[in-house]
Protein backbone atom coordinates (compact mmCIF):
# COMPACT_ATOMS: atom_id res chain seq x y z
CA MET A 1 -14.73 -46.94 -23.59
CA LYS A 2 -14.21 -44.40 -20.78
CA THR A 3 -13.93 -45.89 -17.29
CA LEU A 4 -16.12 -44.15 -14.73
CA PRO A 5 -14.49 -43.24 -11.38
CA GLU A 6 -15.00 -45.85 -8.68
CA ASN A 7 -17.43 -44.76 -5.96
CA LYS A 8 -16.64 -45.58 -2.37
CA GLN A 9 -18.46 -45.59 0.96
CA ILE A 10 -16.36 -45.09 4.08
CA THR A 11 -17.45 -45.25 7.71
CA VAL A 12 -15.36 -43.46 10.34
CA ASP A 13 -16.01 -43.88 14.08
CA PHE A 14 -14.72 -41.33 16.60
CA ALA A 15 -14.38 -42.52 20.19
CA ASN A 16 -14.87 -39.18 21.97
CA ILE A 17 -18.33 -37.80 21.17
CA GLU A 18 -17.51 -34.32 22.54
CA LEU A 19 -14.44 -34.01 20.29
CA ALA A 20 -16.51 -35.40 17.43
CA ARG A 21 -19.05 -32.59 17.92
CA GLN A 22 -16.25 -30.01 17.80
CA LEU A 23 -14.93 -31.68 14.64
CA PHE A 24 -18.32 -31.72 12.95
CA GLY A 25 -19.01 -28.07 13.81
CA GLU A 26 -22.26 -26.39 14.78
CA HIS A 27 -25.11 -27.99 12.81
CA ASN A 28 -22.44 -30.14 11.07
CA ARG A 29 -21.10 -27.08 9.22
CA HIS A 30 -17.55 -28.44 9.14
CA LEU A 31 -18.79 -31.67 7.55
CA GLN A 32 -20.71 -29.67 4.96
CA GLN A 33 -17.57 -27.64 4.25
CA ILE A 34 -15.55 -30.83 3.67
CA ALA A 35 -18.30 -32.34 1.51
CA THR A 36 -18.46 -29.24 -0.72
CA ALA A 37 -14.68 -28.96 -1.07
CA THR A 38 -14.16 -32.65 -1.90
CA ASP A 39 -17.38 -33.22 -3.87
CA THR A 40 -18.49 -36.02 -1.56
CA ALA A 41 -21.50 -36.71 0.65
CA VAL A 42 -20.50 -36.51 4.32
CA ASN A 43 -23.11 -37.26 6.99
CA ALA A 44 -22.98 -38.04 10.70
CA ARG A 45 -24.98 -40.15 13.11
CA GLY A 46 -23.84 -39.78 16.71
CA SER A 47 -20.03 -39.84 16.58
CA THR A 48 -19.92 -41.86 13.34
CA VAL A 49 -19.34 -40.28 9.92
CA PHE A 50 -20.47 -41.78 6.61
CA ILE A 51 -18.61 -40.66 3.48
CA LYS A 52 -19.78 -41.42 -0.06
CA GLY A 53 -18.11 -40.37 -3.26
CA GLU A 54 -15.42 -41.00 -5.83
CA SER A 55 -12.68 -43.13 -4.29
CA ILE A 56 -9.86 -40.55 -4.12
CA ALA A 57 -12.19 -37.79 -2.91
CA ALA A 58 -13.73 -40.04 -0.23
CA ARG A 59 -10.28 -40.99 1.08
CA LEU A 60 -9.30 -37.31 1.15
CA SER A 61 -12.38 -36.52 3.27
CA GLN A 62 -11.50 -39.38 5.61
CA ASN A 63 -7.88 -38.22 5.89
CA VAL A 64 -8.94 -34.64 6.68
CA LEU A 65 -11.40 -35.76 9.37
CA GLU A 66 -9.05 -38.23 11.04
CA GLN A 67 -6.09 -35.82 11.13
CA LEU A 68 -8.18 -32.92 12.43
CA TYR A 69 -9.62 -35.22 15.11
CA GLY A 70 -6.04 -36.03 16.15
CA ILE A 71 -5.35 -32.29 16.42
CA LEU A 72 -8.44 -31.79 18.59
CA LYS A 73 -7.18 -34.55 20.89
CA GLU A 74 -4.06 -32.45 21.44
CA GLY A 75 -6.22 -29.57 22.69
CA TYR A 76 -5.94 -27.45 19.55
CA PRO A 77 -9.31 -25.95 18.44
CA VAL A 78 -10.38 -26.49 14.82
CA HIS A 79 -11.95 -23.60 12.92
CA ALA A 80 -13.41 -23.30 9.42
CA ASN A 81 -10.12 -21.85 8.12
CA ASP A 82 -8.20 -24.83 9.52
CA ILE A 83 -10.43 -27.19 7.53
CA GLU A 84 -9.77 -25.21 4.36
CA TYR A 85 -6.00 -25.32 4.96
CA ALA A 86 -6.15 -29.04 5.84
CA ILE A 87 -7.95 -29.89 2.59
CA ARG A 88 -5.45 -27.82 0.62
CA VAL A 89 -2.42 -29.46 2.27
CA LEU A 90 -3.71 -33.06 2.04
CA SER A 91 -4.91 -32.58 -1.55
CA GLY A 92 -1.31 -31.83 -2.48
CA ASN A 93 0.22 -34.55 -0.33
CA ASP A 94 -1.98 -37.20 1.30
CA ARG A 95 0.95 -38.25 3.54
CA ALA A 96 1.43 -34.80 5.06
CA ASP A 97 1.24 -34.74 8.86
CA LEU A 98 -1.05 -31.88 9.91
CA LYS A 99 0.10 -32.15 13.54
CA LYS A 100 3.66 -31.23 12.60
CA ILE A 101 2.36 -28.15 10.79
CA PHE A 102 -0.63 -26.91 12.81
CA LEU A 103 0.76 -27.68 16.29
CA ASP A 104 4.04 -25.80 15.77
CA THR A 105 3.21 -22.78 17.95
CA VAL A 106 5.25 -19.74 16.99
CA PHE A 107 3.68 -17.19 19.31
CA ILE A 108 0.53 -16.62 21.38
CA THR A 109 -0.76 -13.06 20.97
CA SER A 110 -2.09 -10.74 23.68
CA LYS A 111 -5.56 -11.80 22.52
CA LYS A 112 -4.64 -15.43 23.29
CA THR A 113 -4.63 -16.29 19.59
CA THR A 114 -2.11 -18.97 18.60
CA ILE A 115 0.05 -18.17 15.59
CA SER A 116 1.22 -21.30 13.80
CA PRO A 117 2.02 -22.34 10.21
CA LYS A 118 -0.87 -23.40 7.98
CA SER A 119 0.97 -24.99 5.06
CA PRO A 120 4.16 -27.01 4.42
CA ALA A 121 5.88 -23.92 2.97
CA GLN A 122 5.01 -21.90 6.07
CA LYS A 123 6.38 -24.71 8.25
CA ASP A 124 9.62 -24.72 6.19
CA TYR A 125 9.78 -20.93 6.61
CA ILE A 126 9.44 -21.15 10.41
CA ASP A 127 12.08 -23.89 10.60
CA ALA A 128 14.39 -21.83 8.36
CA MET A 129 14.11 -18.79 10.65
CA ARG A 130 15.02 -20.99 13.62
CA LYS A 131 18.07 -22.46 11.88
CA TYR A 132 19.48 -19.73 9.60
CA ASP A 133 20.63 -16.17 10.32
CA ILE A 134 19.48 -14.85 6.93
CA VAL A 135 16.21 -16.05 5.39
CA PHE A 136 14.44 -14.87 2.25
CA GLY A 137 10.68 -15.43 2.00
CA ILE A 138 9.52 -14.92 -1.59
CA GLY A 139 5.96 -15.31 -2.83
CA PRO A 140 2.58 -13.69 -3.43
CA ALA A 141 0.62 -11.52 -1.02
CA GLY A 142 -1.34 -13.27 1.69
CA THR A 143 1.07 -16.16 2.24
CA GLY A 144 2.07 -15.03 5.75
CA LYS A 145 5.66 -14.04 4.91
CA THR A 146 5.75 -10.84 6.96
CA TYR A 147 3.25 -11.91 9.63
CA LEU A 148 5.12 -15.10 10.53
CA ALA A 149 8.46 -13.27 10.50
CA MET A 150 6.95 -10.70 12.86
CA ALA A 151 5.67 -13.46 15.16
CA MET A 152 9.14 -15.05 15.25
CA ALA A 153 10.70 -11.64 16.01
CA VAL A 154 8.27 -10.88 18.85
CA SER A 155 8.82 -14.38 20.24
CA ALA A 156 12.61 -13.91 20.15
CA LEU A 157 12.35 -10.53 21.92
CA THR A 158 9.96 -11.91 24.56
CA LYS A 159 12.30 -14.83 25.30
CA GLY A 160 15.36 -12.55 25.51
CA ILE A 161 17.04 -14.15 22.50
CA VAL A 162 17.45 -10.69 20.94
CA ASP A 163 17.48 -7.21 22.47
CA ARG A 164 15.46 -5.46 19.79
CA ILE A 165 13.31 -5.81 16.71
CA ILE A 166 14.00 -3.66 13.66
CA LEU A 167 11.31 -3.45 10.99
CA THR A 168 12.09 -1.74 7.73
CA ARG A 169 10.85 -1.41 4.18
CA PRO A 170 11.45 0.80 1.15
CA ALA A 171 9.69 4.16 1.51
CA VAL A 172 9.23 4.83 -2.19
CA GLU A 173 6.64 2.81 -4.08
CA ALA A 174 4.43 3.17 -7.15
CA GLY A 175 6.53 6.05 -8.47
CA GLU A 176 5.91 8.35 -5.48
CA GLU A 177 8.82 10.41 -4.18
CA LEU A 178 8.88 11.36 -0.51
CA GLY A 179 9.72 14.96 -1.30
CA PHE A 180 6.38 15.46 -3.03
CA LEU A 181 4.35 14.11 -0.10
CA PRO A 182 2.99 16.54 2.52
CA GLY A 183 4.22 16.71 6.13
CA ASP A 184 7.49 16.15 7.98
CA LEU A 185 9.64 13.02 7.51
CA ALA A 186 7.72 10.94 10.07
CA GLU A 187 4.39 11.80 8.43
CA LYS A 188 5.81 11.05 4.98
CA VAL A 189 7.10 7.57 5.77
CA ASP A 190 4.26 6.52 8.10
CA PRO A 191 1.89 5.30 5.32
CA TYR A 192 4.61 2.98 3.99
CA LEU A 193 5.32 1.53 7.44
CA ARG A 194 1.68 1.23 8.55
CA PRO A 195 1.33 -2.50 7.60
CA LEU A 196 4.26 -3.28 9.94
CA TYR A 197 2.58 -1.41 12.80
CA ASP A 198 -0.68 -3.24 12.09
CA ALA A 199 1.01 -6.65 12.38
CA LEU A 200 2.74 -5.59 15.61
CA HIS A 201 -0.49 -4.38 17.20
CA ASP A 202 -2.13 -7.66 16.24
CA MET A 203 0.37 -9.48 18.46
CA ILE A 204 1.17 -7.05 21.28
CA ARG A 205 -1.07 -4.62 23.13
CA PHE A 206 -0.93 -1.08 21.77
CA GLU A 207 0.42 0.38 25.04
CA LYS A 208 3.20 -2.21 25.25
CA VAL A 209 4.25 -1.56 21.64
CA ALA A 210 4.46 2.16 22.38
CA ASN A 211 6.52 1.46 25.52
CA LEU A 212 8.93 -0.88 23.68
CA MET A 213 9.37 1.66 20.87
CA GLN A 214 10.10 4.40 23.41
CA LYS A 215 12.80 2.19 24.96
CA GLY A 216 14.27 1.40 21.53
CA ALA A 217 13.43 -2.31 21.78
CA ILE A 218 11.26 -1.99 18.67
CA GLU A 219 12.24 0.27 15.79
CA VAL A 220 10.23 0.86 12.62
CA ALA A 221 12.01 2.86 9.93
CA PRO A 222 12.50 3.18 6.17
CA ILE A 223 15.49 1.30 4.77
CA ALA A 224 17.48 4.49 4.21
CA PHE A 225 17.85 4.74 8.01
CA MET A 226 19.88 1.50 8.04
CA ARG A 227 22.88 3.07 6.31
CA GLY A 228 26.08 3.25 8.36
CA ARG A 229 24.78 1.08 11.21
CA THR A 230 25.87 -2.31 12.58
CA LEU A 231 22.91 -4.22 13.98
CA ASN A 232 23.88 -6.60 16.80
CA ASP A 233 21.53 -8.72 18.96
CA SER A 234 18.62 -7.86 16.69
CA PHE A 235 15.84 -9.51 14.72
CA ILE A 236 15.58 -7.49 11.52
CA ILE A 237 12.77 -7.75 8.99
CA LEU A 238 13.00 -6.14 5.55
CA ASP A 239 9.50 -6.10 4.09
CA GLU A 240 8.47 -5.38 0.46
CA ALA A 241 12.06 -6.13 -0.53
CA GLN A 242 11.13 -6.37 -4.23
CA ASN A 243 11.11 -2.54 -4.20
CA THR A 244 14.68 -2.18 -3.00
CA THR A 245 17.45 -1.30 -5.43
CA PRO A 246 20.52 -3.58 -5.61
CA GLU A 247 22.46 -0.91 -3.68
CA GLN A 248 19.87 -0.82 -0.92
CA MET A 249 19.78 -4.61 -0.66
CA LYS A 250 23.59 -4.85 -0.42
CA MET A 251 23.63 -2.06 2.18
CA PHE A 252 20.95 -3.83 4.24
CA LEU A 253 22.57 -7.27 4.15
CA THR A 254 25.94 -5.88 5.20
CA ARG A 255 24.45 -4.17 8.30
CA ILE A 256 23.87 -7.49 10.09
CA GLY A 257 26.05 -7.94 13.18
CA TYR A 258 26.62 -10.56 15.88
CA ASN A 259 23.71 -12.59 17.29
CA SER A 260 21.30 -11.14 14.74
CA LYS A 261 18.78 -12.61 12.36
CA ALA A 262 17.51 -11.00 9.17
CA VAL A 263 14.37 -11.99 7.30
CA ILE A 264 13.77 -10.48 3.87
CA THR A 265 10.29 -10.78 2.40
CA GLY A 266 8.87 -9.80 -0.96
CA ASP A 267 6.79 -10.61 -4.02
CA ILE A 268 8.79 -10.45 -7.24
CA THR A 269 5.59 -10.18 -9.30
CA GLN A 270 4.68 -6.86 -7.61
CA ILE A 271 7.69 -4.62 -8.32
CA ASP A 272 6.93 -0.87 -8.22
CA LEU A 273 10.39 0.35 -9.22
CA PRO A 274 10.80 2.21 -12.53
CA THR A 275 11.20 -0.28 -15.40
CA GLU A 276 14.86 0.67 -15.96
CA LYS A 277 15.79 -0.24 -12.36
CA THR A 278 16.69 -3.77 -11.23
CA SER A 279 15.00 -5.16 -8.13
CA GLY A 280 17.44 -5.79 -5.30
CA LEU A 281 15.42 -8.86 -4.30
CA ILE A 282 15.70 -10.45 -7.75
CA GLN A 283 19.44 -9.75 -7.88
CA ALA A 284 19.93 -11.21 -4.39
CA LYS A 285 17.99 -14.32 -5.36
CA ASN A 286 20.22 -14.80 -8.38
CA ILE A 287 23.59 -14.26 -6.72
CA LEU A 288 23.13 -15.50 -3.12
CA HIS A 289 21.30 -18.82 -3.60
CA ARG A 290 24.59 -20.77 -3.58
CA ILE A 291 25.56 -19.56 -0.10
CA GLU A 292 24.66 -22.45 2.19
CA ALA A 293 24.20 -20.27 5.29
CA ILE A 294 21.43 -18.28 3.55
CA LYS A 295 18.02 -19.91 3.11
CA PHE A 296 15.45 -19.10 0.42
CA VAL A 297 11.85 -20.21 0.98
CA PHE A 298 9.41 -19.85 -1.90
CA PHE A 299 5.65 -19.56 -1.45
CA SER A 300 2.92 -20.12 -4.04
CA LYS A 301 -0.77 -19.24 -4.31
CA LEU A 302 -1.45 -22.55 -2.50
CA ASP A 303 0.01 -20.97 0.66
CA VAL A 304 -2.38 -18.00 0.70
CA VAL A 305 -3.98 -17.75 4.14
CA ARG A 306 -6.20 -14.75 3.58
CA HIS A 307 -9.79 -14.86 2.35
CA ARG A 308 -10.27 -17.80 -0.03
CA LEU A 309 -11.05 -15.34 -2.85
CA VAL A 310 -7.44 -14.07 -2.71
CA GLN A 311 -6.27 -17.32 -4.31
CA ASP A 312 -8.86 -16.91 -7.09
CA ILE A 313 -7.73 -13.31 -7.63
CA ILE A 314 -4.07 -14.43 -7.93
CA ASP A 315 -5.18 -17.10 -10.45
CA ALA A 316 -7.00 -14.47 -12.54
CA TYR A 317 -3.99 -12.15 -12.65
CA GLU A 318 -1.61 -15.01 -13.47
CA GLN A 319 -3.88 -15.98 -16.36
CA LEU A 320 -3.90 -12.37 -17.60
CA GLU A 321 -0.09 -12.21 -17.50
CA ALA A 322 0.16 -15.54 -19.34
CA GLU A 323 -2.18 -14.27 -22.05
CA LYS A 324 -0.14 -11.06 -22.41
CA GLU A 325 3.08 -13.06 -22.67
CA ASN A 326 1.52 -15.39 -25.24
CA HIS A 327 0.26 -12.44 -27.28
CA LYS A 328 3.70 -10.78 -27.13
CA THR A 329 5.43 -14.01 -28.26
CA ASN A 330 3.03 -14.42 -31.18
CA ASN A 331 3.56 -10.81 -32.28
CA GLN A 332 7.36 -11.24 -32.20
CA ARG A 333 7.14 -14.47 -34.16
CA ALA A 334 4.81 -13.18 -36.89
CA PRO A 335 7.23 -10.85 -38.82
CA SER A 336 9.90 -13.54 -39.23
CA GLU A 337 7.29 -16.01 -40.47
CA ASN A 338 6.03 -13.44 -42.99
CA VAL A 339 9.57 -12.89 -44.31
CA ARG A 340 10.02 -16.64 -44.81
CA SER A 341 6.73 -16.92 -46.67
CA GLU A 342 7.60 -13.97 -48.95
CA ASN A 343 11.06 -15.39 -49.69
CA GLY A 344 9.53 -18.79 -50.29
C-alpha cells in the first residue's frame, strides 16, 4: 500500500510588519510566487504567514521566507528574481545560508544596482577570483560567468588593485572568417566584442567607459592582439574561450605577468570551431586541473540567472543531445548483434 505524503501546517510570525510587507510583496505576490513554486498554500494575516502542504514542501516555503526576512533585516531589498533563486538554492541544499551568498556585494553599478552572487556556484566563483590568479569558469549561457568576472574586474580597477582591464575573445565563430566580413579591422571585430561592451556599459556610465578606454585603462580586443605582450597589473578576461584553439589558449595563458589576474570563461557545449579542431578550453581543462594555483569552477543549468525559460530551453537541448547519443549508440550496436545472430 502506497503511503501518502504527510501534510503539514506551519505558522510563521514576523516581528517587523514593514519588513513583512516587503517580504510578502505587493498584493502578496511574493507569497503567491513561493506557493506556486513549492506547491503549497501560503497565506498571510497581518505579519503572520500560514503555510499548508506536503511536509518537505511546507518546510521549504518556511525556510525561504525566514531566510529572505533575515536578508531584508540587513537592508538588502528582495525582488521576485531573488525569491526564484532562493527557492532554487534551498531546494538543492536546505542548510544553505542565503546571507553568505546574496549579501556578498561584488560591485555597485552607476545605476546603484548591487551585483552579487545568486547561487552557491556563483559564490564559489567570486571567492575563487579573490583567491586565485587564474580562474576558469565553465558552464552554460546565462550563469553569470562573464558578467561576474566583469564586475570583479571593474571593482579591482576602481579600488586601484589593478591598473587596467583587458577584455578579449576569439574573433572567429560559426565558421566566419574576418577577411570575408565588410569594413576595416575595427568594424570586423566589433560584432564579436559587442557583448563585452554591453556588460561594461551596464556597470559604468558610457562616457566614463569611453574615457577609460581612451586612457588605456580598459582595452577590448580580439585574442590575436594578445600575442607578444606581457600583461602586468591587469585584470584579464578571456570570454567564449571554447572557441580558442589550443595554440591560442597557450599563448593567452603565457601572457600573464606580475600582479595580474586572468579569468577564462566558456561553454564547452557551444563550440563553433571546425569539427577537426580541438577546443583550447577543453584541452586546458584536461591538462591544467592538477595545478593547485589554478581554479576551475563549473556551473550547471541550476545556476542560470537569466529569464526562467532559459533553464527550460537548456533542458530541452540537453534532452535532444541525449536522444541523439542514444540513437547513435543503438545504431553502432545493431550490426554486431546482427552478426552474432547470423553466426548463431
